[in-house]
Amino acid sequence: MCHASYVGEAKVVCEDALTSPAVGARYHVVGKLLENGMMDAWVEGRVLPVFSPPLQEPTD
């Protein structure tokens, strides 16, 4: 698995997902990174809109 790691030096790393210390985090970002629109925007340096759902209060 390749991902932007926040553990240790902040950089992109490729490592085994079963042993990665970053996988134990409670916060994950998932997206369609390799679709044509995303790749075109990256190559052209365009800003992409970001959706972030509102935080919900924990329920006990």
Protein backbone atom coordinates (compact mmCIF):
# COMPACT_ATOMS: atom_id res chain seq x y z
CA MET A 1 0.00 0.00 0.00
CA CYS A 2 1.31 3.44 -0.91
CA HIS A 3 0.12 6.40 1.13
CA ALA A 4 1.05 9.81 2.51
CA SER A 5 2.40 8.90 5.93
CA TYR A 6 2.24 11.16 8.94
CA VAL A 7 4.31 8.76 11.08
CA GLY A 8 7.93 9.83 11.44
CA GLU A 9 9.05 11.87 8.44
CA ALA A 10 5.98 13.15 6.53
CA LYS A 11 6.36 11.58 3.08
CA VAL A 12 4.81 9.10 0.67
CA VAL A 13 5.71 5.54 1.59
CA CYS A 14 4.89 2.10 0.22
CA GLU A 15 4.61 -0.54 2.91
CA ASP A 16 2.69 -3.63 3.98
CA ALA A 17 -0.77 -2.54 5.16
CA LEU A 18 -0.81 -5.30 7.80
CA THR A 19 2.26 -3.91 9.59
CA SER A 20 2.00 -0.18 8.81
CA PRO A 21 1.81 1.96 11.97
CA ALA A 22 -0.27 4.52 10.03
CA VAL A 23 -3.12 2.06 9.38
CA GLY A 24 -4.01 2.02 13.08
CA ALA A 25 -5.12 5.66 12.88
CA ARG A 26 -8.77 6.55 13.41
CA TYR A 27 -8.75 9.05 10.52
CA HIS A 28 -8.63 7.86 6.90
CA VAL A 29 -9.11 9.69 3.62
CA VAL A 30 -10.29 7.70 0.63
CA GLY A 31 -10.81 8.94 -2.90
CA LYS A 32 -10.77 8.11 -6.57
CA LEU A 33 -7.23 9.23 -7.25
CA LEU A 34 -6.61 7.75 -10.68
CA GLU A 35 -9.76 8.74 -12.59
CA ASN A 36 -9.20 10.91 -15.68
CA GLY A 37 -10.60 14.14 -14.16
CA MET A 38 -8.35 13.88 -11.12
CA MET A 39 -5.25 13.14 -13.18
CA ASP A 40 -5.99 15.99 -15.63
CA ALA A 41 -6.44 18.47 -12.77
CA TRP A 42 -3.17 17.34 -11.17
CA VAL A 43 -1.20 17.67 -14.42
CA GLU A 44 -2.73 21.10 -15.11
CA GLY A 45 -2.21 22.30 -11.51
CA ARG A 46 -5.91 23.02 -10.97
CA VAL A 47 -7.43 23.28 -7.50
CA LEU A 48 -9.97 20.55 -6.76
CA PRO A 49 -13.04 20.98 -4.54
CA VAL A 50 -12.96 19.05 -1.29
CA PHE A 51 -15.97 17.67 0.59
CA SER A 52 -15.74 17.25 4.32
CA PRO A 53 -18.86 15.99 6.10
CA PRO A 54 -19.80 17.80 9.31
CA LEU A 55 -18.43 16.31 12.49
CA GLN A 56 -20.95 14.36 14.50
CA GLU A 57 -21.13 14.25 18.26
CA PRO A 58 -20.29 10.78 19.60
CA THR A 59 -23.27 8.76 20.77
CA ASP A 60 -22.96 6.73 23.94
